[in-house]
Amino acid sequence: ADIGDIIRGKDLFLGHKQRKKHLEKRLERMFENIQHNNTELKNIPLPKVREYWWALNRDQVWKAITCDAGVKDTYSINTGNGETILWDQKCGHYEYGKVPTNLDYVPQYLR
């Protein structure tokens, strides 16, 4: 599963159904709390709040993931012209100044 898919409520979650329900309820409560505490988000539908939060925080999630990466872990991104770039920088350091989001909106079953 992709963290962005889970946060945005788009994960296929092919595992245990009870765990999926439990996770989804916890995420809904979390985003309802975010919505409740931010006056700008009060009238926005919950799925949009989830998208908003992910867009705002994906770089921090990336930092958290890469800071705990092992010494030999590498990350890759397909540039779109047949070239794949590999790198191994840690703690959110990435090339081109942005988090690799090349697959964020590709449906999970196509990845």
PDB file of N, CA and C in Angstrom:
ATOM      1  N   ALA A   1       0.841  -1.187   0.000  1.00  0.00           N
ATOM      2  CA  ALA A   1       0.000   0.000   0.000  1.00  0.00           C
ATOM      3  C   ALA A   1       0.882   1.245   0.000  1.00  0.00           C
ATOM      4  N   ASP A   2       0.385   2.277  -0.549  1.00  0.00           N
ATOM      5  CA  ASP A   2       1.068   3.554  -0.615  1.00  0.00           C
ATOM      6  C   ASP A   2       0.487   4.459   0.471  1.00  0.00           C
ATOM      7  N   ILE A   3       1.338   5.149   1.212  1.00  0.00           N
ATOM      8  CA  ILE A   3       0.868   5.992   2.303  1.00  0.00           C
ATOM      9  C   ILE A   3      -0.090   7.062   1.800  1.00  0.00           C
ATOM     10  N   GLY A   4       0.219   7.660   0.656  1.00  0.00           N
ATOM     11  CA  GLY A   4      -0.675   8.674   0.089  1.00  0.00           C
ATOM     12  C   GLY A   4      -2.054   8.111  -0.203  1.00  0.00           C
ATOM     13  N   ASP A   5      -2.123   6.881  -0.703  1.00  0.00           N
ATOM     14  CA  ASP A   5      -3.415   6.242  -0.963  1.00  0.00           C
ATOM     15  C   ASP A   5      -4.182   6.026   0.333  1.00  0.00           C
ATOM     16  N   ILE A   6      -3.488   5.595   1.371  1.00  0.00           N
ATOM     17  CA  ILE A   6      -4.140   5.356   2.659  1.00  0.00           C
ATOM     18  C   ILE A   6      -4.691   6.659   3.216  1.00  0.00           C
ATOM     19  N   ILE A   7      -3.875   7.698   3.236  1.00  0.00           N
ATOM     20  CA  ILE A   7      -4.289   9.000   3.768  1.00  0.00           C
ATOM     21  C   ILE A   7      -5.485   9.547   2.996  1.00  0.00           C
ATOM     22  N   ARG A   8      -5.432   9.434   1.670  1.00  0.00           N
ATOM     23  CA  ARG A   8      -6.492  10.002   0.834  1.00  0.00           C
ATOM     24  C   ARG A   8      -7.712   9.095   0.724  1.00  0.00           C
ATOM     25  N   GLY A   9      -7.668   7.905   1.372  1.00  0.00           N
ATOM     26  CA  GLY A   9      -8.813   6.996   1.342  1.00  0.00           C
ATOM     27  C   GLY A   9      -8.951   6.236   0.042  1.00  0.00           C
ATOM     28  N   LYS A  10      -7.850   6.059  -0.681  1.00  0.00           N
ATOM     29  CA  LYS A  10      -7.891   5.414  -1.996  1.00  0.00           C
ATOM     30  C   LYS A  10      -7.204   4.048  -2.001  1.00  0.00           C
ATOM     31  N   ASP A  11      -6.777   3.570  -0.837  1.00  0.00           N
ATOM     32  CA  ASP A  11      -6.037   2.309  -0.757  1.00  0.00           C
ATOM     33  C   ASP A  11      -6.956   1.122  -1.027  1.00  0.00           C
ATOM     34  N   LEU A  12      -6.454   0.162  -1.791  1.00  0.00           N
ATOM     35  CA  LEU A  12      -7.226  -1.048  -2.083  1.00  0.00           C
ATOM     36  C   LEU A  12      -7.334  -1.952  -0.859  1.00  0.00           C
ATOM     37  N   PHE A  13      -6.383  -1.899   0.051  1.00  0.00           N
ATOM     38  CA  PHE A  13      -6.341  -2.673   1.293  1.00  0.00           C
ATOM     39  C   PHE A  13      -6.903  -4.070   1.093  1.00  0.00           C
ATOM     40  N   LEU A  14      -6.086  -4.930   0.566  1.00  0.00           N
ATOM     41  CA  LEU A  14      -6.507  -6.288   0.257  1.00  0.00           C
ATOM     42  C   LEU A  14      -6.394  -7.220   1.460  1.00  0.00           C
ATOM     43  N   GLY A  15      -6.139  -6.675   2.621  1.00  0.00           N
ATOM     44  CA  GLY A  15      -5.977  -7.481   3.826  1.00  0.00           C
ATOM     45  C   GLY A  15      -7.287  -7.720   4.554  1.00  0.00           C
ATOM     46  N   HIS A  16      -7.199  -7.833   5.828  1.00  0.00           N
ATOM     47  CA  HIS A  16      -8.299  -8.146   6.730  1.00  0.00           C
ATOM     48  C   HIS A  16      -9.349  -7.029   6.731  1.00  0.00           C
ATOM     49  N   LYS A  17     -10.624  -7.368   6.512  1.00  0.00           N
ATOM     50  CA  LYS A  17     -11.681  -6.344   6.402  1.00  0.00           C
ATOM     51  C   LYS A  17     -11.899  -5.576   7.699  1.00  0.00           C
ATOM     52  N   GLN A  18     -11.806  -6.253   8.844  1.00  0.00           N
ATOM     53  CA  GLN A  18     -11.988  -5.565  10.125  1.00  0.00           C
ATOM     54  C   GLN A  18     -10.884  -4.533  10.351  1.00  0.00           C
ATOM     55  N   ARG A  19      -9.670  -4.883   9.972  1.00  0.00           N
ATOM     56  CA  ARG A  19      -8.561  -3.933  10.120  1.00  0.00           C
ATOM     57  C   ARG A  19      -8.765  -2.723   9.220  1.00  0.00           C
ATOM     58  N   LYS A  20      -9.263  -2.965   8.026  1.00  0.00           N
ATOM     59  CA  LYS A  20      -9.532  -1.860   7.104  1.00  0.00           C
ATOM     60  C   LYS A  20     -10.568  -0.917   7.703  1.00  0.00           C
ATOM     61  N   LYS A  21     -11.654  -1.478   8.240  1.00  0.00           N
ATOM     62  CA  LYS A  21     -12.700  -0.648   8.850  1.00  0.00           C
ATOM     63  C   LYS A  21     -12.141   0.144  10.028  1.00  0.00           C
ATOM     64  N   HIS A  22     -11.351  -0.527  10.857  1.00  0.00           N
ATOM     65  CA  HIS A  22     -10.763   0.131  12.023  1.00  0.00           C
ATOM     66  C   HIS A  22      -9.841   1.277  11.591  1.00  0.00           C
ATOM     67  N   LEU A  23      -8.979   1.016  10.625  1.00  0.00           N
ATOM     68  CA  LEU A  23      -8.070   2.044  10.122  1.00  0.00           C
ATOM     69  C   LEU A  23      -8.849   3.213   9.535  1.00  0.00           C
ATOM     70  N   GLU A  24      -9.845   2.920   8.726  1.00  0.00           N
ATOM     71  CA  GLU A  24     -10.622   3.981   8.087  1.00  0.00           C
ATOM     72  C   GLU A  24     -11.358   4.830   9.123  1.00  0.00           C
ATOM     73  N   LYS A  25     -11.913   4.208  10.152  1.00  0.00           N
ATOM     74  CA  LYS A  25     -12.598   4.969  11.209  1.00  0.00           C
ATOM     75  C   LYS A  25     -11.619   5.883  11.940  1.00  0.00           C
ATOM     76  N   ARG A  26     -10.429   5.373  12.225  1.00  0.00           N
ATOM     77  CA  ARG A  26      -9.422   6.197  12.900  1.00  0.00           C
ATOM     78  C   ARG A  26      -8.998   7.374  12.026  1.00  0.00           C
ATOM     79  N   LEU A  27      -8.808   7.115  10.739  1.00  0.00           N
ATOM     80  CA  LEU A  27      -8.433   8.196   9.826  1.00  0.00           C
ATOM     81  C   LEU A  27      -9.555   9.220   9.705  1.00  0.00           C
ATOM     82  N   GLU A  28     -10.791   8.756   9.627  1.00  0.00           N
ATOM     83  CA  GLU A  28     -11.919   9.687   9.545  1.00  0.00           C
ATOM     84  C   GLU A  28     -11.974  10.573  10.782  1.00  0.00           C
ATOM     85  N   ARG A  29     -11.793   9.981  11.966  1.00  0.00           N
ATOM     86  CA  ARG A  29     -11.792  10.776  13.199  1.00  0.00           C
ATOM     87  C   ARG A  29     -10.652  11.797  13.187  1.00  0.00           C
ATOM     88  N   MET A  30      -9.495  11.369  12.724  1.00  0.00           N
ATOM     89  CA  MET A  30      -8.344  12.264  12.669  1.00  0.00           C
ATOM     90  C   MET A  30      -8.632  13.457  11.749  1.00  0.00           C
ATOM     91  N   PHE A  31      -9.182  13.182  10.571  1.00  0.00           N
ATOM     92  CA  PHE A  31      -9.435  14.274   9.631  1.00  0.00           C
ATOM     93  C   PHE A  31     -10.641  15.115  10.031  1.00  0.00           C
ATOM     94  N   GLU A  32     -11.600  14.532  10.730  1.00  0.00           N
ATOM     95  CA  GLU A  32     -12.696  15.334  11.284  1.00  0.00           C
ATOM     96  C   GLU A  32     -12.149  16.301  12.329  1.00  0.00           C
ATOM     97  N   ASN A  33     -11.199  15.840  13.124  1.00  0.00           N
ATOM     98  CA  ASN A  33     -10.565  16.690  14.125  1.00  0.00           C
ATOM     99  C   ASN A  33      -9.793  17.828  13.456  1.00  0.00           C
ATOM    100  N   ILE A  34      -9.053  17.513  12.413  1.00  0.00           N
ATOM    101  CA  ILE A  34      -8.333  18.547  11.659  1.00  0.00           C
ATOM    102  C   ILE A  34      -9.325  19.557  11.096  1.00  0.00           C
ATOM    103  N   GLN A  35     -10.403  19.059  10.533  1.00  0.00           N
ATOM    104  CA  GLN A  35     -11.437  19.918   9.951  1.00  0.00           C
ATOM    105  C   GLN A  35     -12.075  20.804  11.025  1.00  0.00           C
ATOM    106  N   HIS A  36     -12.360  20.220  12.170  1.00  0.00           N
ATOM    107  CA  HIS A  36     -13.000  20.949  13.264  1.00  0.00           C
ATOM    108  C   HIS A  36     -12.104  22.069  13.799  1.00  0.00           C
ATOM    109  N   ASN A  37     -10.799  21.824  13.828  1.00  0.00           N
ATOM    110  CA  ASN A  37      -9.864  22.796  14.396  1.00  0.00           C
ATOM    111  C   ASN A  37      -9.327  23.816  13.398  1.00  0.00           C
ATOM    112  N   ASN A  38      -9.759  23.737  12.159  1.00  0.00           N
ATOM    113  CA  ASN A  38      -9.312  24.683  11.142  1.00  0.00           C
ATOM    114  C   ASN A  38     -10.544  25.302  10.487  1.00  0.00           C
ATOM    115  N   THR A  39     -10.812  26.554  10.790  1.00  0.00           N
ATOM    116  CA  THR A  39     -12.028  27.204  10.294  1.00  0.00           C
ATOM    117  C   THR A  39     -12.105  27.235   8.771  1.00  0.00           C
ATOM    118  N   GLU A  40     -10.968  27.263   8.097  1.00  0.00           N
ATOM    119  CA  GLU A  40     -10.972  27.286   6.632  1.00  0.00           C
ATOM    120  C   GLU A  40     -11.464  25.973   6.031  1.00  0.00           C
ATOM    121  N   LEU A  41     -11.426  24.896   6.803  1.00  0.00           N
ATOM    122  CA  LEU A  41     -11.791  23.575   6.284  1.00  0.00           C
ATOM    123  C   LEU A  41     -13.191  23.127   6.698  1.00  0.00           C
ATOM    124  N   LYS A  42     -13.881  23.920   7.492  1.00  0.00           N
ATOM    125  CA  LYS A  42     -15.176  23.500   8.052  1.00  0.00           C
ATOM    126  C   LYS A  42     -16.209  23.110   7.004  1.00  0.00           C
ATOM    127  N   ASN A  43     -16.274  23.797   5.888  1.00  0.00           N
ATOM    128  CA  ASN A  43     -17.305  23.528   4.879  1.00  0.00           C
ATOM    129  C   ASN A  43     -16.804  22.690   3.707  1.00  0.00           C
ATOM    130  N   ILE A  44     -15.620  22.137   3.843  1.00  0.00           N
ATOM    131  CA  ILE A  44     -15.048  21.311   2.775  1.00  0.00           C
ATOM    132  C   ILE A  44     -15.357  19.846   3.083  1.00  0.00           C
ATOM    133  N   PRO A  45     -15.784  19.066   2.090  1.00  0.00           N
ATOM    134  CA  PRO A  45     -16.058  17.643   2.328  1.00  0.00           C
ATOM    135  C   PRO A  45     -14.806  16.912   2.830  1.00  0.00           C
ATOM    136  N   LEU A  46     -15.015  15.926   3.684  1.00  0.00           N
ATOM    137  CA  LEU A  46     -13.909  15.198   4.296  1.00  0.00           C
ATOM    138  C   LEU A  46     -12.908  14.628   3.287  1.00  0.00           C
ATOM    139  N   PRO A  47     -13.338  14.044   2.163  1.00  0.00           N
ATOM    140  CA  PRO A  47     -12.342  13.560   1.195  1.00  0.00           C
ATOM    141  C   PRO A  47     -11.419  14.680   0.689  1.00  0.00           C
ATOM    142  N   LYS A  48     -11.942  15.874   0.538  1.00  0.00           N
ATOM    143  CA  LYS A  48     -11.114  17.009   0.097  1.00  0.00           C
ATOM    144  C   LYS A  48     -10.151  17.448   1.202  1.00  0.00           C
ATOM    145  N   VAL A  49     -10.593  17.334   2.460  1.00  0.00           N
ATOM    146  CA  VAL A  49      -9.709  17.658   3.582  1.00  0.00           C
ATOM    147  C   VAL A  49      -8.526  16.697   3.589  1.00  0.00           C
ATOM    148  N   ARG A  50      -8.811  15.425   3.313  1.00  0.00           N
ATOM    149  CA  ARG A  50      -7.745  14.428   3.264  1.00  0.00           C
ATOM    150  C   ARG A  50      -6.765  14.755   2.142  1.00  0.00           C
ATOM    151  N   GLU A  51      -7.241  15.117   0.973  1.00  0.00           N
ATOM    152  CA  GLU A  51      -6.375  15.506  -0.155  1.00  0.00           C
ATOM    153  C   GLU A  51      -5.544  16.735   0.219  1.00  0.00           C
ATOM    154  N   TYR A  52      -6.198  17.708   0.838  1.00  0.00           N
ATOM    155  CA  TYR A  52      -5.534  18.943   1.255  1.00  0.00           C
ATOM    156  C   TYR A  52      -4.393  18.630   2.228  1.00  0.00           C
ATOM    157  N   TRP A  53      -4.687  17.801   3.236  1.00  0.00           N
ATOM    158  CA  TRP A  53      -3.675  17.453   4.233  1.00  0.00           C
ATOM    159  C   TRP A  53      -2.495  16.757   3.569  1.00  0.00           C
ATOM    160  N   TRP A  54      -2.770  15.823   2.662  1.00  0.00           N
ATOM    161  CA  TRP A  54      -1.691  15.088   1.995  1.00  0.00           C
ATOM    162  C   TRP A  54      -0.826  16.036   1.162  1.00  0.00           C
ATOM    163  N   ALA A  55      -1.450  16.928   0.423  1.00  0.00           N
ATOM    164  CA  ALA A  55      -0.690  17.878  -0.398  1.00  0.00           C
ATOM    165  C   ALA A  55       0.198  18.763   0.483  1.00  0.00           C
ATOM    166  N   LEU A  56      -0.319  19.117   1.642  1.00  0.00           N
ATOM    167  CA  LEU A  56       0.407  19.999   2.552  1.00  0.00           C
ATOM    168  C   LEU A  56       1.539  19.285   3.296  1.00  0.00           C
ATOM    169  N   ASN A  57       1.409  17.991   3.549  1.00  0.00           N
ATOM    170  CA  ASN A  57       2.338  17.275   4.423  1.00  0.00           C
ATOM    171  C   ASN A  57       3.142  16.153   3.776  1.00  0.00           C
ATOM    172  N   ARG A  58       2.962  15.922   2.484  1.00  0.00           N
ATOM    173  CA  ARG A  58       3.672  14.802   1.852  1.00  0.00           C
ATOM    174  C   ARG A  58       5.184  14.921   1.990  1.00  0.00           C
ATOM    175  N   ASP A  59       5.718  16.140   1.974  1.00  0.00           N
ATOM    176  CA  ASP A  59       7.166  16.289   2.112  1.00  0.00           C
ATOM    177  C   ASP A  59       7.647  15.871   3.500  1.00  0.00           C
ATOM    178  N   GLN A  60       6.846  16.134   4.536  1.00  0.00           N
ATOM    179  CA  GLN A  60       7.217  15.722   5.889  1.00  0.00           C
ATOM    180  C   GLN A  60       7.140  14.204   6.050  1.00  0.00           C
ATOM    181  N   VAL A  61       6.160  13.585   5.398  1.00  0.00           N
ATOM    182  CA  VAL A  61       6.044  12.123   5.412  1.00  0.00           C
ATOM    183  C   VAL A  61       7.257  11.524   4.707  1.00  0.00           C
ATOM    184  N   TRP A  62       7.644  12.113   3.578  1.00  0.00           N
ATOM    185  CA  TRP A  62       8.815  11.632   2.834  1.00  0.00           C
ATOM    186  C   TRP A  62      10.071  11.718   3.700  1.00  0.00           C
ATOM    187  N   LYS A  63      10.242  12.836   4.423  1.00  0.00           N
ATOM    188  CA  LYS A  63      11.393  12.970   5.316  1.00  0.00           C
ATOM    189  C   LYS A  63      11.394  11.860   6.361  1.00  0.00           C
ATOM    190  N   ALA A  64      10.243  11.609   6.957  1.00  0.00           N
ATOM    191  CA  ALA A  64      10.149  10.579   7.994  1.00  0.00           C
ATOM    192  C   ALA A  64      10.511   9.205   7.443  1.00  0.00           C
ATOM    193  N   ILE A  65      10.065   8.900   6.250  1.00  0.00           N
ATOM    194  CA  ILE A  65      10.359   7.599   5.643  1.00  0.00           C
ATOM    195  C   ILE A  65      11.843   7.483   5.316  1.00  0.00           C
ATOM    196  N   THR A  66      12.401   8.498   4.690  1.00  0.00           N
ATOM    197  CA  THR A  66      13.788   8.399   4.233  1.00  0.00           C
ATOM    198  C   THR A  66      14.799   8.519   5.367  1.00  0.00           C
ATOM    199  N   CYS A  67      14.453   9.179   6.461  1.00  0.00           N
ATOM    200  CA  CYS A  67      15.395   9.280   7.580  1.00  0.00           C
ATOM    201  C   CYS A  67      15.652   7.922   8.217  1.00  0.00           C
ATOM    202  N   ASP A  68      14.698   7.030   8.134  1.00  0.00           N
ATOM    203  CA  ASP A  68      14.861   5.704   8.730  1.00  0.00           C
ATOM    204  C   ASP A  68      15.321   4.672   7.700  1.00  0.00           C
ATOM    205  N   ALA A  69      15.642   5.111   6.507  1.00  0.00           N
ATOM    206  CA  ALA A  69      16.067   4.177   5.456  1.00  0.00           C
ATOM    207  C   ALA A  69      17.425   3.580   5.795  1.00  0.00           C
ATOM    208  N   GLY A  70      17.621   2.360   5.336  1.00  0.00           N
ATOM    209  CA  GLY A  70      18.890   1.678   5.559  1.00  0.00           C
ATOM    210  C   GLY A  70      19.997   2.227   4.679  1.00  0.00           C
ATOM    211  N   VAL A  71      21.212   1.845   4.978  1.00  0.00           N
ATOM    212  CA  VAL A  71      22.388   2.328   4.254  1.00  0.00           C
ATOM    213  C   VAL A  71      22.323   1.979   2.769  1.00  0.00           C
ATOM    214  N   LYS A  72      21.832   0.807   2.436  1.00  0.00           N
ATOM    215  CA  LYS A  72      21.810   0.358   1.042  1.00  0.00           C
ATOM    216  C   LYS A  72      20.488   0.646   0.328  1.00  0.00           C
ATOM    217  N   ASP A  73      19.547   1.305   0.992  1.00  0.00           N
ATOM    218  CA  ASP A  73      18.264   1.608   0.353  1.00  0.00           C
ATOM    219  C   ASP A  73      18.429   2.693  -0.701  1.00  0.00           C
ATOM    220  N   THR A  74      17.781   2.504  -1.839  1.00  0.00           N
ATOM    221  CA  THR A  74      17.785   3.514  -2.892  1.00  0.00           C
ATOM    222  C   THR A  74      16.354   3.790  -3.315  1.00  0.00           C
ATOM    223  N   TYR A  75      16.141   4.941  -3.907  1.00  0.00           N
ATOM    224  CA  TYR A  75      14.832   5.359  -4.388  1.00  0.00           C
ATOM    225  C   TYR A  75      14.949   5.630  -5.876  1.00  0.00           C
ATOM    226  N   SER A  76      13.876   5.416  -6.588  1.00  0.00           N
ATOM    227  CA  SER A  76      13.932   5.631  -8.033  1.00  0.00           C
ATOM    228  C   SER A  76      12.714   6.401  -8.503  1.00  0.00           C
ATOM    229  N   ILE A  77      12.894   7.067  -9.627  1.00  0.00           N
ATOM    230  CA  ILE A  77      11.781   7.753 -10.280  1.00  0.00           C
ATOM    231  C   ILE A  77      11.983   7.629 -11.784  1.00  0.00           C
ATOM    232  N   ASN A  78      10.910   7.336 -12.474  1.00  0.00           N
ATOM    233  CA  ASN A  78      10.938   7.269 -13.929  1.00  0.00           C
ATOM    234  C   ASN A  78      10.705   8.681 -14.439  1.00  0.00           C
ATOM    235  N   THR A  79      11.607   9.174 -15.264  1.00  0.00           N
ATOM    236  CA  THR A  79      11.519  10.560 -15.734  1.00  0.00           C
ATOM    237  C   THR A  79      10.469  10.759 -16.819  1.00  0.00           C
ATOM    238  N   GLY A  80       9.940   9.678 -17.361  1.00  0.00           N
ATOM    239  CA  GLY A  80       8.931   9.799 -18.405  1.00  0.00           C
ATOM    240  C   GLY A  80       9.493   9.669 -19.802  1.00  0.00           C
ATOM    241  N   ASN A  81      10.792   9.761 -19.936  1.00  0.00           N
ATOM    242  CA  ASN A  81      11.404   9.615 -21.260  1.00  0.00           C
ATOM    243  C   ASN A  81      12.246   8.339 -21.335  1.00  0.00           C
ATOM    244  N   GLY A  82      11.856   7.344 -20.552  1.00  0.00           N
ATOM    245  CA  GLY A  82      12.542   6.065 -20.562  1.00  0.00           C
ATOM    246  C   GLY A  82      13.736   5.979 -19.633  1.00  0.00           C
ATOM    247  N   GLU A  83      14.023   7.040 -18.925  1.00  0.00           N
ATOM    248  CA  GLU A  83      15.164   7.073 -18.016  1.00  0.00           C
ATOM    249  C   GLU A  83      14.680   6.906 -16.577  1.00  0.00           C
ATOM    250  N   THR A  84      15.409   6.132 -15.790  1.00  0.00           N
ATOM    251  CA  THR A  84      15.112   5.968 -14.370  1.00  0.00           C
ATOM    252  C   THR A  84      16.269   6.539 -13.572  1.00  0.00           C
ATOM    253  N   ILE A  85      15.950   7.380 -12.616  1.00  0.00           N
ATOM    254  CA  ILE A  85      16.958   8.005 -11.768  1.00  0.00           C
ATOM    255  C   ILE A  85      16.953   7.279 -10.424  1.00  0.00           C
ATOM    256  N   LEU A  86      18.128   6.913  -9.944  1.00  0.00           N
ATOM    257  CA  LEU A  86      18.288   6.287  -8.631  1.00  0.00           C
ATOM    258  C   LEU A  86      19.066   7.233  -7.731  1.00  0.00           C
ATOM    259  N   TRP A  87      18.696   7.299  -6.462  1.00  0.00           N
ATOM    260  CA  TRP A  87      19.475   8.064  -5.507  1.00  0.00           C
ATOM    261  C   TRP A  87      19.302   7.470  -4.126  1.00  0.00           C
ATOM    262  N   ASP A  88      20.215   7.870  -3.222  1.00  0.00           N
ATOM    263  CA  ASP A  88      20.201   7.283  -1.885  1.00  0.00           C
ATOM    264  C   ASP A  88      20.319   8.328  -0.773  1.00  0.00           C
ATOM    265  N   GLN A  89      20.000   9.569  -1.069  1.00  0.00           N
ATOM    266  CA  GLN A  89      20.059  10.593  -0.026  1.00  0.00           C
ATOM    267  C   GLN A  89      19.014  10.291   1.047  1.00  0.00           C
ATOM    268  N   LYS A  90      19.314  10.675   2.267  1.00  0.00           N
ATOM    269  CA  LYS A  90      18.437  10.374   3.398  1.00  0.00           C
ATOM    270  C   LYS A  90      17.786  11.634   3.959  1.00  0.00           C
ATOM    271  N   CYS A  91      16.836  11.434   4.819  1.00  0.00           N
ATOM    272  CA  CYS A  91      16.146  12.481   5.580  1.00  0.00           C
ATOM    273  C   CYS A  91      15.532  13.562   4.699  1.00  0.00           C
ATOM    274  N   GLY A  92      14.815  13.130   3.693  1.00  0.00           N
ATOM    275  CA  GLY A  92      14.065  14.062   2.870  1.00  0.00           C
ATOM    276  C   GLY A  92      14.850  14.733   1.775  1.00  0.00           C
ATOM    277  N   HIS A  93      16.133  14.437   1.664  1.00  0.00           N
ATOM    278  CA  HIS A  93      16.920  15.030   0.582  1.00  0.00           C
ATOM    279  C   HIS A  93      16.597  14.282  -0.701  1.00  0.00           C
ATOM    280  N   TYR A  94      16.237  15.011  -1.706  1.00  0.00           N
ATOM    281  CA  TYR A  94      15.833  14.394  -2.956  1.00  0.00           C
ATOM    282  C   TYR A  94      16.241  15.307  -4.093  1.00  0.00           C
ATOM    283  N   GLU A  95      16.297  14.748  -5.259  1.00  0.00           N
ATOM    284  CA  GLU A  95      16.731  15.525  -6.416  1.00  0.00           C
ATOM    285  C   GLU A  95      15.617  16.430  -6.920  1.00  0.00           C
ATOM    286  N   TYR A  96      15.992  17.468  -7.590  1.00  0.00           N
ATOM    287  CA  TYR A  96      15.074  18.403  -8.236  1.00  0.00           C
ATOM    288  C   TYR A  96      14.206  19.178  -7.245  1.00  0.00           C
ATOM    289  N   GLY A  97      14.493  19.122  -5.944  1.00  0.00           N
ATOM    290  CA  GLY A  97      13.799  19.941  -4.974  1.00  0.00           C
ATOM    291  C   GLY A  97      12.359  19.573  -4.698  1.00  0.00           C
ATOM    292  N   LYS A  98      11.947  18.379  -5.041  1.00  0.00           N
ATOM    293  CA  LYS A  98      10.564  17.999  -4.745  1.00  0.00           C
ATOM    294  C   LYS A  98      10.475  16.510  -4.431  1.00  0.00           C
ATOM    295  N   VAL A  99       9.460  16.159  -3.693  1.00  0.00           N
ATOM    296  CA  VAL A  99       9.203  14.762  -3.347  1.00  0.00           C
ATOM    297  C   VAL A  99       8.800  14.025  -4.616  1.00  0.00           C
ATOM    298  N   PRO A 100       9.303  12.808  -4.837  1.00  0.00           N
ATOM    299  CA  PRO A 100       8.894  12.065  -6.034  1.00  0.00           C
ATOM    300  C   PRO A 100       7.415  11.677  -5.957  1.00  0.00           C
ATOM    301  N   THR A 101       6.632  12.268  -6.819  1.00  0.00           N
ATOM    302  CA  THR A 101       5.183  12.041  -6.802  1.00  0.00           C
ATOM    303  C   THR A 101       4.698  11.465  -8.117  1.00  0.00           C
ATOM    304  N   ASN A 102       5.590  10.855  -8.867  1.00  0.00           N
ATOM    305  CA  ASN A 102       5.232  10.406 -10.208  1.00  0.00           C
ATOM    306  C   ASN A 102       4.110   9.374 -10.229  1.00  0.00           C
ATOM    307  N   LEU A 103       3.871   8.683  -9.136  1.00  0.00           N
ATOM    308  CA  LEU A 103       2.812   7.669  -9.129  1.00  0.00           C
ATOM    309  C   LEU A 103       1.657   8.020  -8.194  1.00  0.00           C
ATOM    310  N   ASP A 104       1.629   9.222  -7.647  1.00  0.00           N
ATOM    311  CA  ASP A 104       0.600   9.585  -6.672  1.00  0.00           C
ATOM    312  C   ASP A 104      -0.827   9.388  -7.171  1.00  0.00           C
ATOM    313  N   TYR A 105      -1.079   9.702  -8.409  1.00  0.00           N
ATOM    314  CA  TYR A 105      -2.460   9.646  -8.886  1.00  0.00           C
ATOM    315  C   TYR A 105      -2.688   8.560  -9.928  1.00  0.00           C
ATOM    316  N   VAL A 106      -1.745   7.627 -10.034  1.00  0.00           N
ATOM    317  CA  VAL A 106      -1.945   6.442 -10.868  1.00  0.00           C
ATOM    318  C   VAL A 106      -2.697   5.443 -10.000  1.00  0.00           C
ATOM    319  N   PRO A 107      -3.809   4.890 -10.474  1.00  0.00           N
ATOM    320  CA  PRO A 107      -4.546   3.926  -9.647  1.00  0.00           C
ATOM    321  C   PRO A 107      -3.630   2.804  -9.162  1.00  0.00           C
ATOM    322  N   GLN A 108      -3.858   2.392  -7.927  1.00  0.00           N
ATOM    323  CA  GLN A 108      -2.974   1.428  -7.276  1.00  0.00           C
ATOM    324  C   GLN A 108      -2.834   0.134  -8.075  1.00  0.00           C
ATOM    325  N   TYR A 109      -3.907  -0.323  -8.682  1.00  0.00           N
ATOM    326  CA  TYR A 109      -3.852  -1.595  -9.405  1.00  0.00           C
ATOM    327  C   TYR A 109      -3.011  -1.511 -10.680  1.00  0.00           C
ATOM    328  N   LEU A 110      -2.651  -0.305 -11.130  1.00  0.00           N
ATOM    329  CA  LEU A 110      -1.823  -0.145 -12.329  1.00  0.00           C
ATOM    330  C   LEU A 110      -0.336   0.014 -12.009  1.00  0.00           C
ATOM    331  N   ARG A 111       0.013   0.148 -10.744  1.00  0.00           N
ATOM    332  CA  ARG A 111       1.426   0.348 -10.379  1.00  0.00           C
ATOM    333  C   ARG A 111       2.165  -0.953 -10.341  1.00  0.00           C
TER     334      ARG A 111
END
